[in-house]
C-alpha atoms as a PDB file:
ATOM      1  CA  MET A   1       2.462 -19.862  -9.117  1.00  0.00           C
ATOM      2  CA  GLU A   2      -0.466 -18.082 -10.929  1.00  0.00           C
ATOM      3  CA  PRO A   3      -2.074 -14.685 -10.374  1.00  0.00           C
ATOM      4  CA  THR A   4      -5.274 -14.878  -8.317  1.00  0.00           C
ATOM      5  CA  GLU A   5      -8.599 -13.023  -8.832  1.00  0.00           C
ATOM      6  CA  PRO A   6      -8.110 -10.217  -6.061  1.00  0.00           C
ATOM      7  CA  LEU A   7      -4.771  -9.394  -8.212  1.00  0.00           C
ATOM      8  CA  PHE A   8      -6.899  -8.892 -11.389  1.00  0.00           C
ATOM      9  CA  ALA A   9      -9.381  -6.906  -9.471  1.00  0.00           C
ATOM     10  CA  ILE A  10      -6.726  -4.313  -8.154  1.00  0.00           C
ATOM     11  CA  ILE A  11      -5.327  -4.025 -11.820  1.00  0.00           C
ATOM     12  CA  ALA A  12      -8.867  -3.284 -13.010  1.00  0.00           C
ATOM     13  CA  LYS A  13      -9.416  -0.682 -10.429  1.00  0.00           C
ATOM     14  CA  ILE A  14      -6.163   1.037 -11.410  1.00  0.00           C
ATOM     15  CA  VAL A  15      -7.268   0.924 -15.094  1.00  0.00           C
ATOM     16  CA  LEU A  16     -10.591   2.360 -14.260  1.00  0.00           C
ATOM     17  CA  ILE A  17      -9.093   5.304 -12.315  1.00  0.00           C
ATOM     18  CA  ILE A  18      -6.606   6.087 -15.034  1.00  0.00           C
ATOM     19  CA  ILE A  19      -9.500   6.150 -17.589  1.00  0.00           C
ATOM     20  CA  PHE A  20     -11.992   7.880 -15.603  1.00  0.00           C
ATOM     21  CA  ALA A  21      -9.945  10.139 -13.563  1.00  0.00           C
ATOM     22  CA  ILE A  22      -6.324  10.586 -14.698  1.00  0.00           C
ATOM     23  CA  ILE A  23      -7.364  11.669 -18.202  1.00  0.00           C
ATOM     24  CA  PRO A  24      -9.714  14.480 -16.994  1.00  0.00           C
ATOM     25  CA  PHE A  25      -7.031  15.374 -14.429  1.00  0.00           C
ATOM     26  CA  VAL A  26      -4.411  15.688 -17.158  1.00  0.00           C
ATOM     27  CA  PHE A  27      -6.697  17.963 -19.282  1.00  0.00           C
ATOM     28  CA  GLY A  28      -7.162  20.060 -16.171  1.00  0.00           C
ATOM     29  CA  ILE A  29      -3.271  20.534 -15.637  1.00  0.00           C
ATOM     30  CA  PHE A  30      -2.889  21.428 -19.306  1.00  0.00           C
ATOM     31  CA  VAL A  31      -5.626  24.165 -18.749  1.00  0.00           C
ATOM     32  CA  ASN A  32      -3.701  25.439 -15.635  1.00  0.00           C
ATOM     33  CA  ILE A  33      -0.404  25.719 -17.189  1.00  0.00           C
ATOM     34  CA  SER A  34      -1.253  26.569 -20.872  1.00  0.00           C
ATOM     35  CA  THR A  35      -1.496  30.519 -21.951  1.00  0.00           C
ATOM     36  CA  LYS A  36      -2.073  30.288 -25.498  1.00  0.00           C
ATOM     37  CA  HIS A  37      -4.081  27.190 -25.796  1.00  0.00           C
ATOM     38  CA  ARG A  38      -6.223  27.380 -22.626  1.00  0.00           C
ATOM     39  CA  LYS A  39      -9.522  27.573 -24.396  1.00  0.00           C
ATOM     40  CA  PRO A  40      -8.914  24.554 -26.460  1.00  0.00           C
ATOM     41  CA  PHE A  41      -7.878  22.564 -23.616  1.00  0.00           C
ATOM     42  CA  LEU A  42     -10.727  23.758 -21.275  1.00  0.00           C
ATOM     43  CA  ILE A  43     -13.410  22.597 -24.173  1.00  0.00           C
ATOM     44  CA  ALA A  44     -11.502  19.247 -24.690  1.00  0.00           C
ATOM     45  CA  GLY A  45     -11.303  18.246 -21.141  1.00  0.00           C
ATOM     46  CA  ARG A  46     -14.969  19.277 -20.678  1.00  0.00           C
ATOM     47  CA  VAL A  47     -15.923  16.980 -23.703  1.00  0.00           C
ATOM     48  CA  VAL A  48     -13.671  14.290 -22.313  1.00  0.00           C
ATOM     49  CA  SER A  49     -15.097  14.324 -18.669  1.00  0.00           C
ATOM     50  CA  ILE A  50     -18.717  14.426 -19.950  1.00  0.00           C
ATOM     51  CA  LEU A  51     -18.281  11.609 -22.527  1.00  0.00           C
ATOM     52  CA  SER A  52     -16.725   9.507 -19.685  1.00  0.00           C
ATOM     53  CA  ALA A  53     -19.612  10.087 -17.205  1.00  0.00           C
ATOM     54  CA  ILE A  54     -22.247   9.392 -20.124  1.00  0.00           C
ATOM     55  CA  PHE A  55     -20.185   6.076 -20.953  1.00  0.00           C
ATOM     56  CA  ILE A  56     -20.563   5.205 -17.045  1.00  0.00           C
ATOM     57  CA  ALA A  57     -24.071   6.038 -17.104  1.00  0.00           C
ATOM     58  CA  VAL A  58     -25.265   4.337 -20.441  1.00  0.00           C
ATOM     59  CA  GLY A  59     -23.088   1.244 -19.532  1.00  0.00           C
ATOM     60  CA  HIS A  60     -24.864   0.788 -16.090  1.00  0.00           C
ATOM     61  CA  SER A  61     -28.490   1.718 -17.530  1.00  0.00           C
ATOM     62  CA  VAL A  62     -27.784  -1.496 -19.524  1.00  0.00           C
ATOM     63  CA  VAL A  63     -27.248  -3.307 -16.006  1.00  0.00           C
ATOM     64  CA  ILE A  64     -30.223  -1.707 -14.686  1.00  0.00           C
ATOM     65  CA  ALA A  65     -32.355  -3.103 -17.664  1.00  0.00           C
ATOM     66  CA  TYR A  66     -30.887  -6.290 -17.394  1.00  0.00           C
ATOM     67  CA  SER A  67     -31.682  -6.460 -13.803  1.00  0.00           C
ATOM     68  CA  ILE A  68     -35.365  -6.333 -14.599  1.00  0.00           C
ATOM     69  CA  VAL A  69     -35.159  -9.873 -16.136  1.00  0.00           C
ATOM     70  CA  ILE A  70     -32.630 -11.259 -13.889  1.00  0.00           C
ATOM     71  CA  PRO A  71     -33.112 -14.797 -12.668  1.00  0.00           C
ATOM     72  CA  MET A  72     -35.094 -15.387  -9.569  1.00  0.00           C
ATOM     73  CA  ASP A  73     -31.835 -16.647  -7.752  1.00  0.00           C
ATOM     74  CA  ALA A  74     -30.199 -13.373  -7.950  1.00  0.00           C
ATOM     75  CA  TRP A  75     -30.881 -10.859  -4.954  1.00  0.00           C
ATOM     76  CA  PRO A  76     -32.458  -7.676  -6.207  1.00  0.00           C
ATOM     77  CA  PHE A  77     -31.200  -5.564  -3.302  1.00  0.00           C
ATOM     78  CA  TYR A  78     -27.637  -6.211  -4.325  1.00  0.00           C
ATOM     79  CA  VAL A  79     -28.478  -5.681  -8.146  1.00  0.00           C
ATOM     80  CA  TYR A  80     -29.847  -2.111  -7.427  1.00  0.00           C
ATOM     81  CA  ALA A  81     -26.829  -1.509  -5.039  1.00  0.00           C
ATOM     82  CA  CYS A  82     -24.547  -2.395  -7.810  1.00  0.00           C
ATOM     83  CA  CYS A  83     -26.441  -0.200 -10.265  1.00  0.00           C
ATOM     84  CA  PHE A  84     -26.243   2.616  -7.770  1.00  0.00           C
ATOM     85  CA  CYS A  85     -22.600   2.439  -7.179  1.00  0.00           C
ATOM     86  CA  GLY A  86     -22.077   2.155 -10.858  1.00  0.00           C
ATOM     87  CA  LEU A  87     -24.055   5.355 -11.689  1.00  0.00           C
ATOM     88  CA  THR A  88     -22.515   7.232  -8.759  1.00  0.00           C
ATOM     89  CA  MET A  89     -18.966   6.593 -10.436  1.00  0.00           C
ATOM     90  CA  GLY A  90     -19.869   8.804 -13.223  1.00  0.00           C
ATOM     91  CA  VAL A  91     -19.332  11.923 -11.096  1.00  0.00           C
ATOM     92  CA  LEU A  92     -15.696  11.195 -10.747  1.00  0.00           C
ATOM     93  CA  PRO A  93     -14.448  12.399 -14.012  1.00  0.00           C
ATOM     94  CA  LEU A  94     -16.788  15.562 -13.898  1.00  0.00           C
ATOM     95  CA  SER A  95     -15.545  16.371 -10.195  1.00  0.00           C
ATOM     96  CA  THR A  96     -11.852  15.598 -11.233  1.00  0.00           C
ATOM     97  CA  PHE A  97     -11.867  17.985 -13.963  1.00  0.00           C
ATOM     98  CA  TYR A  98     -13.762  20.621 -12.125  1.00  0.00           C
ATOM     99  CA  PHE A  99     -11.686  20.598  -9.197  1.00  0.00           C
ATOM    100  CA  THR A 100      -8.449  20.550 -11.149  1.00  0.00           C
ATOM    101  CA  THR A 101      -9.526  23.896 -13.272  1.00  0.00           C
ATOM    102  CA  SER A 102     -11.304  25.635 -10.416  1.00  0.00           C
ATOM    103  CA  LYS A 103      -9.827  28.865  -9.083  1.00  0.00           C
ATOM    104  CA  LYS A 104      -9.754  27.611  -5.373  1.00  0.00           C
ATOM    105  CA  SER A 105      -6.393  27.537  -3.649  1.00  0.00           C
ATOM    106  CA  LYS A 106      -4.108  24.696  -4.433  1.00  0.00           C
ATOM    107  CA  LYS A 107      -4.503  23.120  -1.070  1.00  0.00           C
ATOM    108  CA  ARG A 108      -8.262  23.128  -1.366  1.00  0.00           C
ATOM    109  CA  ARG A 109      -8.162  21.626  -4.647  1.00  0.00           C
ATOM    110  CA  ALA A 110      -5.819  18.934  -3.567  1.00  0.00           C
ATOM    111  CA  CYS A 111      -8.015  18.095  -0.737  1.00  0.00           C
ATOM    112  CA  TYR A 112     -11.100  17.958  -3.172  1.00  0.00           C
ATOM    113  CA  LEU A 113      -9.410  15.827  -5.536  1.00  0.00           C
ATOM    114  CA  ALA A 114      -8.098  13.432  -2.854  1.00  0.00           C
ATOM    115  CA  ILE A 115     -11.648  13.066  -1.450  1.00  0.00           C
ATOM    116  CA  SER A 116     -12.884  12.356  -4.901  1.00  0.00           C
ATOM    117  CA  PHE A 117     -10.244   9.646  -5.397  1.00  0.00           C
ATOM    118  CA  ILE A 118     -10.957   8.105  -1.991  1.00  0.00           C
ATOM    119  CA  ALA A 119     -14.690   8.146  -2.769  1.00  0.00           C
ATOM    120  CA  PHE A 120     -14.388   6.683  -6.116  1.00  0.00           C
ATOM    121  CA  SER A 121     -12.095   3.710  -4.847  1.00  0.00           C
ATOM    122  CA  LEU A 122     -14.811   3.112  -1.939  1.00  0.00           C
ATOM    123  CA  ILE A 123     -17.772   3.281  -4.682  1.00  0.00           C
ATOM    124  CA  LEU A 124     -15.777   0.933  -6.847  1.00  0.00           C
ATOM    125  CA  SER A 125     -15.161  -1.705  -4.188  1.00  0.00           C
ATOM    126  CA  GLY A 126     -18.831  -1.518  -3.300  1.00  0.00           C
ATOM    127  CA  TYR A 127     -19.988  -2.197  -7.140  1.00  0.00           C
ATOM    128  CA  GLU A 128     -17.460  -5.039  -7.158  1.00  0.00           C
ATOM    129  CA  ALA A 129     -18.880  -6.508  -3.903  1.00  0.00           C
ATOM    130  CA  SER A 130     -22.508  -5.875  -4.985  1.00  0.00           C
ATOM    131  CA  TYR A 131     -21.911  -7.314  -8.343  1.00  0.00           C
ATOM    132  CA  ASN A 132     -20.446 -10.641  -7.086  1.00  0.00           C
ATOM    133  CA  ARG A 133     -23.297 -10.865  -4.567  1.00  0.00           C
ATOM    134  CA  ALA A 134     -26.120 -10.314  -7.197  1.00  0.00           C
ATOM    135  CA  TYR A 135     -24.606 -12.429 -10.131  1.00  0.00           C
ATOM    136  CA  GLY A 136     -22.032 -14.584  -8.531  1.00  0.00           C
ATOM    137  CA  LYS A 137     -22.564 -18.153  -9.174  1.00  0.00           C
ATOM    138  CA  ILE A 138     -19.758 -19.822  -7.194  1.00  0.00           C
ATOM    139  CA  ALA A 139     -19.745 -19.290  -3.474  1.00  0.00           C
ATOM    140  CA  TYR A 140     -16.425 -19.583  -1.395  1.00  0.00           C
ATOM    141  CA  GLN A 141     -17.588 -20.264   2.113  1.00  0.00           C
ATOM    142  CA  THR A 142     -15.842 -21.363   5.402  1.00  0.00           C
ATOM    143  CA  GLU A 143     -17.271 -23.732   8.069  1.00  0.00           C
ATOM    144  CA  ARG A 144     -17.410 -23.921  11.749  1.00  0.00           C
ATOM    145  CA  GLN A 145     -18.488 -27.111  13.451  1.00  0.00           C
ATOM    146  CA  ASP A 146     -18.904 -27.796  17.420  1.00  0.00           C
ATOM    147  CA  LEU A 147     -17.760 -31.374  18.339  1.00  0.00           C
ATOM    148  CA  SER A 148     -17.273 -33.177  21.415  1.00  0.00           C
ATOM    149  CA  ILE A 149     -13.835 -33.457  22.985  1.00  0.00           C
ATOM    150  CA  ASN A 150     -13.879 -37.364  22.267  1.00  0.00           C
ATOM    151  CA  ASP A 151     -13.776 -36.520  18.616  1.00  0.00           C
ATOM    152  CA  PHE A 152     -10.633 -34.358  18.935  1.00  0.00           C
ATOM    153  CA  TYR A 153      -8.665 -36.808  20.843  1.00  0.00           C
ATOM    154  CA  ALA A 154      -9.886 -39.549  18.454  1.00  0.00           C
ATOM    155  CA  ASN A 155      -8.438 -37.582  15.410  1.00  0.00           C
ATOM    156  CA  HIS A 156      -5.397 -36.210  17.465  1.00  0.00           C
ATOM    157  CA  PRO A 157      -4.100 -39.054  19.517  1.00  0.00           C
ATOM    158  CA  GLU A 158      -0.551 -37.027  19.846  1.00  0.00           C
ATOM    159  CA  ALA A 159      -2.419 -34.286  21.634  1.00  0.00           C
ATOM    160  CA  ASP A 160      -1.833 -33.929  25.307  1.00  0.00           C
ATOM    161  CA  LYS A 161      -5.090 -34.666  27.416  1.00  0.00           C
ATOM    162  CA  ASN A 162      -3.463 -32.892  30.357  1.00  0.00           C
ATOM    163  CA  GLY A 163      -3.517 -29.528  28.910  1.00  0.00           C
ATOM    164  CA  GLU A 164      -6.308 -26.896  29.531  1.00  0.00           C
ATOM    165  CA  ILE A 165      -6.413 -26.040  25.815  1.00  0.00           C
ATOM    166  CA  ASN A 166      -5.121 -27.803  22.693  1.00  0.00           C
ATOM    167  CA  VAL A 167      -4.918 -26.391  19.310  1.00  0.00           C
ATOM    168  CA  SER A 168      -4.334 -28.480  16.172  1.00  0.00           C
ATOM    169  CA  ALA A 169      -3.859 -26.384  12.881  1.00  0.00           C
ATOM    170  CA  SER A 170      -3.066 -27.950   9.565  1.00  0.00           C
ATOM    171  CA  LEU A 171      -1.993 -25.275   7.259  1.00  0.00           C
ATOM    172  CA  TYR A 172      -2.018 -26.522   3.243  1.00  0.00           C
ATOM    173  CA  ASN A 173      -0.273 -24.756   0.334  1.00  0.00           C
ATOM    174  CA  GLY A 174      -0.267 -27.070  -2.708  1.00  0.00           C
ATOM    175  CA  GLY A 175       1.884 -29.889  -1.904  1.00  0.00           C
ATOM    176  CA  GLU A 176       3.224 -28.546   1.113  1.00  0.00           C
ATOM    177  CA  TRP A 177       1.611 -28.346   4.425  1.00  0.00           C
ATOM    178  CA  LEU A 178       2.408 -27.454   7.928  1.00  0.00           C
ATOM    179  CA  THR A 179       0.853 -28.952  11.115  1.00  0.00           C
ATOM    180  CA  ALA A 180       1.164 -27.409  14.395  1.00  0.00           C
ATOM    181  CA  ASN A 181      -0.004 -28.545  17.988  1.00  0.00           C
ATOM    182  CA  ILE A 182      -0.313 -25.949  20.799  1.00  0.00           C
ATOM    183  CA  SER A 183      -0.767 -26.995  24.169  1.00  0.00           C
ATOM    184  CA  VAL A 184      -1.835 -24.630  26.831  1.00  0.00           C
ATOM    185  CA  TYR A 185      -0.873 -25.780  30.485  1.00  0.00           C
ATOM    186  CA  LYS A 186      -1.363 -23.810  33.742  1.00  0.00           C
ATOM    187  CA  ASP A 187       2.241 -22.451  33.851  1.00  0.00           C
ATOM    188  CA  SER A 188       3.463 -23.087  30.325  1.00  0.00           C
ATOM    189  CA  ILE A 189       2.592 -23.299  26.404  1.00  0.00           C
ATOM    190  CA  VAL A 190       4.145 -26.021  24.216  1.00  0.00           C
ATOM    191  CA  LEU A 191       4.438 -25.983  20.455  1.00  0.00           C
ATOM    192  CA  LYS A 192       4.979 -28.880  18.164  1.00  0.00           C
ATOM    193  CA  THR A 193       5.296 -28.434  14.426  1.00  0.00           C
ATOM    194  CA  LYS A 194       5.985 -30.610  11.366  1.00  0.00           C
ATOM    195  CA  GLU A 195       6.534 -29.514   8.026  1.00  0.00           C
ATOM    196  CA  HIS A 196       5.563 -31.574   5.072  1.00  0.00           C
ATOM    197  CA  HIS A 197       6.068 -31.862   1.321  1.00  0.00           C
ATOM    198  CA  TYR A 198       4.341 -34.121  -1.094  1.00  0.00           C
ATOM    199  CA  ASP A 199       7.528 -36.143  -1.852  1.00  0.00           C
ATOM    200  CA  ILE A 200       8.724 -36.307   1.901  1.00  0.00           C
ATOM    201  CA  SER A 201       6.815 -37.593   4.670  1.00  0.00           C
ATOM    202  CA  GLU A 202       8.169 -34.879   7.020  1.00  0.00           C
ATOM    203  CA  THR A 203      10.762 -32.465   7.646  1.00  0.00           C
ATOM    204  CA  ASP A 204      11.711 -29.698   9.732  1.00  0.00           C
ATOM    205  CA  SER A 205       9.822 -31.095  13.177  1.00  0.00           C
ATOM    206  CA  CYS A 206      10.474 -28.669  15.860  1.00  0.00           C
ATOM    207  CA  TYR A 207       9.229 -28.437  19.661  1.00  0.00           C
ATOM    208  CA  ARG A 208       9.219 -24.981  21.612  1.00  0.00           C
ATOM    209  CA  ASN A 209       7.981 -24.061  25.060  1.00  0.00           C
ATOM    210  CA  ASP A 210       8.619 -20.253  24.792  1.00  0.00           C
ATOM    211  CA  LEU A 211       5.596 -18.977  23.144  1.00  0.00           C
ATOM    212  CA  PRO A 212       4.216 -15.512  24.235  1.00  0.00           C
ATOM    213  CA  PRO A 213       1.080 -16.008  26.407  1.00  0.00           C
ATOM    214  CA  ASN A 214      -0.667 -12.919  25.015  1.00  0.00           C
ATOM    215  CA  GLN A 215      -0.094 -14.045  21.261  1.00  0.00           C
ATOM    216  CA  VAL A 216      -1.447 -17.523  21.992  1.00  0.00           C
ATOM    217  CA  GLN A 217      -4.411 -16.064  23.891  1.00  0.00           C
ATOM    218  CA  ASP A 218      -5.374 -13.934  21.007  1.00  0.00           C
ATOM    219  CA  ILE A 219      -5.236 -16.963  18.829  1.00  0.00           C
ATOM    220  CA  ILE A 220      -7.320 -18.920  20.790  1.00  0.00           C
ATOM    221  CA  GLU A 221     -10.087 -16.021  20.992  1.00  0.00           C
ATOM    222  CA  GLU A 222      -9.897 -15.651  17.385  1.00  0.00           C
ATOM    223  CA  ILE A 223     -10.814 -19.508  16.762  1.00  0.00           C
ATOM    224  CA  ILE A 224     -13.461 -19.332  19.696  1.00  0.00           C
ATOM    225  CA  TYR A 225     -15.440 -16.400  18.174  1.00  0.00           C
ATOM    226  CA  TYR A 226     -14.695 -17.100  14.321  1.00  0.00           C
ATOM    227  CA  GLU A 227     -17.960 -16.907  12.557  1.00  0.00           C
ATOM    228  CA  PRO A 228     -18.271 -18.489   8.965  1.00  0.00           C
ATOM    229  CA  GLU A 229     -17.593 -16.340   5.934  1.00  0.00           C
ATOM    230  CA  ILE A 230     -18.965 -16.542   2.569  1.00  0.00           C
ATOM    231  CA  GLU A 231     -17.957 -14.654  -0.837  1.00  0.00           C
ATOM    232  CA  TYR A 232     -19.321 -15.026  -4.283  1.00  0.00           C
ATOM    233  CA  SER A 233     -17.557 -14.850  -7.691  1.00  0.00           C
ATOM    234  CA  GLN A 234     -18.442 -15.375 -11.313  1.00  0.00           C
ATOM    235  CA  GLY A 235     -16.218 -18.323 -11.885  1.00  0.00           C
ATOM    236  CA  LYS A 236     -13.548 -20.561 -10.574  1.00  0.00           C
ATOM    237  CA  ASP A 237     -10.123 -21.205 -11.537  1.00  0.00           C
ATOM    238  CA  MET A 238      -8.229 -24.359 -11.659  1.00  0.00           C
ATOM    239  CA  CYS A 239      -5.622 -23.520  -9.081  1.00  0.00           C
ATOM    240  CA  LEU A 240      -5.082 -25.443  -5.772  1.00  0.00           C
ATOM    241  CA  HIS A 241      -5.854 -22.450  -3.160  1.00  0.00           C
ATOM    242  CA  PRO A 242      -4.226 -22.487   0.253  1.00  0.00           C
ATOM    243  CA  SER A 243      -6.297 -23.713   2.850  1.00  0.00           C
ATOM    244  CA  ALA A 244      -6.339 -24.594   6.908  1.00  0.00           C
ATOM    245  CA  THR A 245      -8.093 -26.850   9.160  1.00  0.00           C
ATOM    246  CA  ILE A 246      -7.762 -25.574  12.728  1.00  0.00           C
ATOM    247  CA  GLU A 247      -9.294 -27.515  15.777  1.00  0.00           C
ATOM    248  CA  LEU A 248      -9.476 -26.216  19.382  1.00  0.00           C
ATOM    249  CA  ALA A 249     -10.278 -28.606  22.202  1.00  0.00           C
ATOM    250  CA  ASP A 250     -11.279 -26.918  25.824  1.00  0.00           C
ATOM    251  CA  ASN A 251     -10.716 -29.633  28.393  1.00  0.00           C
ATOM    252  CA  LYS A 252     -12.612 -27.676  30.831  1.00  0.00           C
ATOM    253  CA  LYS A 253     -15.755 -27.157  29.023  1.00  0.00           C
ATOM    254  CA  ALA A 254     -15.168 -30.564  27.115  1.00  0.00           C
ATOM    255  CA  THR A 255     -15.994 -29.110  23.803  1.00  0.00           C
ATOM    256  CA  THR A 256     -14.300 -28.578  20.323  1.00  0.00           C
ATOM    257  CA  VAL A 257     -14.386 -25.944  17.862  1.00  0.00           C
ATOM    258  CA  LYS A 258     -13.463 -27.044  14.353  1.00  0.00           C
ATOM    259  CA  LEU A 259     -12.751 -24.427  11.323  1.00  0.00           C
ATOM    260  CA  LEU A 260     -12.568 -25.552   7.776  1.00  0.00           C
ATOM    261  CA  LEU A 261     -10.995 -22.484   5.856  1.00  0.00           C
ATOM    262  CA  PRO A 262     -10.532 -22.856   2.146  1.00  0.00           C
ATOM    263  CA  ASP A 263      -9.284 -20.374  -0.612  1.00  0.00           C
ATOM    264  CA  LEU A 264      -7.333 -18.295   1.770  1.00  0.00           C
ATOM    265  CA  ASP A 265      -5.261 -16.378  -0.725  1.00  0.00           C
ATOM    266  CA  GLY A 266      -8.749 -14.965  -2.520  1.00  0.00           C
ATOM    267  CA  TYR A 267     -11.344 -14.667   0.082  1.00  0.00           C
ATOM    268  CA  HIS A 268     -12.207 -14.646   3.795  1.00  0.00           C
ATOM    269  CA  PRO A 269     -10.329 -11.871   5.392  1.00  0.00           C
ATOM    270  CA  ASN A 270     -10.979 -13.012   8.899  1.00  0.00           C
ATOM    271  CA  ALA A 271      -9.723 -16.573   8.226  1.00  0.00           C
ATOM    272  CA  GLN A 272      -6.746 -15.156   6.539  1.00  0.00           C
ATOM    273  CA  ARG A 273      -6.029 -13.095   9.537  1.00  0.00           C
ATOM    274  CA  LEU A 274      -6.396 -15.867  12.019  1.00  0.00           C
ATOM    275  CA  VAL A 275      -4.118 -18.055   9.730  1.00  0.00           C
ATOM    276  CA  LYS A 276      -1.371 -15.403   9.526  1.00  0.00           C
ATOM    277  CA  LYS A 277      -1.314 -15.123  13.375  1.00  0.00           C
ATOM    278  CA  ILE A 278      -0.859 -18.786  13.625  1.00  0.00           C
ATOM    279  CA  ASN A 279       1.842 -18.647  11.101  1.00  0.00           C
ATOM    280  CA  ASN A 280       3.657 -15.744  12.795  1.00  0.00           C
ATOM    281  CA  LEU A 281       3.856 -17.706  15.990  1.00  0.00           C
ATOM    282  CA  ILE A 282       5.856 -20.402  14.256  1.00  0.00           C
ATOM    283  CA  LYS A 283       8.886 -18.120  13.642  1.00  0.00           C
ATOM    284  CA  ASP A 284      11.282 -20.617  12.408  1.00  0.00           C
ATOM    285  CA  SER A 285       9.052 -21.664   9.556  1.00  0.00           C
ATOM    286  CA  LYS A 286       9.098 -19.987   6.258  1.00  0.00           C
ATOM    287  CA  PHE A 287       5.916 -21.512   5.160  1.00  0.00           C
ATOM    288  CA  ASP A 288       3.249 -19.152   4.259  1.00  0.00           C
ATOM    289  CA  PRO A 289      -0.230 -20.654   3.932  1.00  0.00           C
ATOM    290  CA  THR A 290      -2.067 -17.470   2.712  1.00  0.00           C
ATOM    291  CA  LYS A 291      -0.216 -16.621  -0.458  1.00  0.00           C
ATOM    292  CA  GLY A 292      -0.089 -17.967  -3.906  1.00  0.00           C
ATOM    293  CA  CYS A 293      -2.355 -20.009  -6.144  1.00  0.00           C
ATOM    294  CA  ARG A 294      -0.797 -23.280  -7.056  1.00  0.00           C
ATOM    295  CA  ASN A 295      -1.253 -25.982  -9.703  1.00  0.00           C
ATOM    296  CA  ASP A 296       0.584 -28.902  -7.651  1.00  0.00           C
END
């Protein structure tokens, strides 16, 4: 098991918040509690917060200069959005120190500080998304295919053609994978699952007919209305990320929807939500197809 890119992004955000917000905040606290050395702490806090803001501004000015000579395949809108978010982040150390040392009431100061931290987190997320979209060279995307009903039953001979709707889901996580077949009838819903391992053909097969209709209907609607997602990144690791293949056959409409959902632990929030709903439906299984980055 290895840490994934989103984990590093979260750590980086925490580090940036500590550098650009907590340090000015600590100086502001010293200004408030100190009686003999209030002025030195006030001067030091102002210098630190101003230098932090200048550092952010200068750092992103370099990005602006670089954006002038960006390759043609980069999207200018995202480049400038990235630069705007980066420059806006320079306000945080200044606002943190100012609101900490201001003479407003404690409740009002706490409210302003909370707003500053929330705004900084949102701006930082916007910067990250814009940067990846502007300069990302690796595209992680899902696919949606509309097939004929004959294609579905040719690929899944075990599915019951007498059902109104059949859902076949294959959830992969390294050398382990889980297949689930849901058959929706007029008066009942049937689930068949098989858990597989790379060294064993199949284990833990089960059959159930007590599924909650509302939960199944929710999954069906998620599949029907799912739209492909695309995310961009600067690089690609060597891990085998969790993935899923989900197919839905509607016998009344004689149509099939096929979803190919890779990289579930790092990208595609809608795909992650759908797969988690399917996994939660299979209560007896401990298999989690949306967590982990494996080298199997």
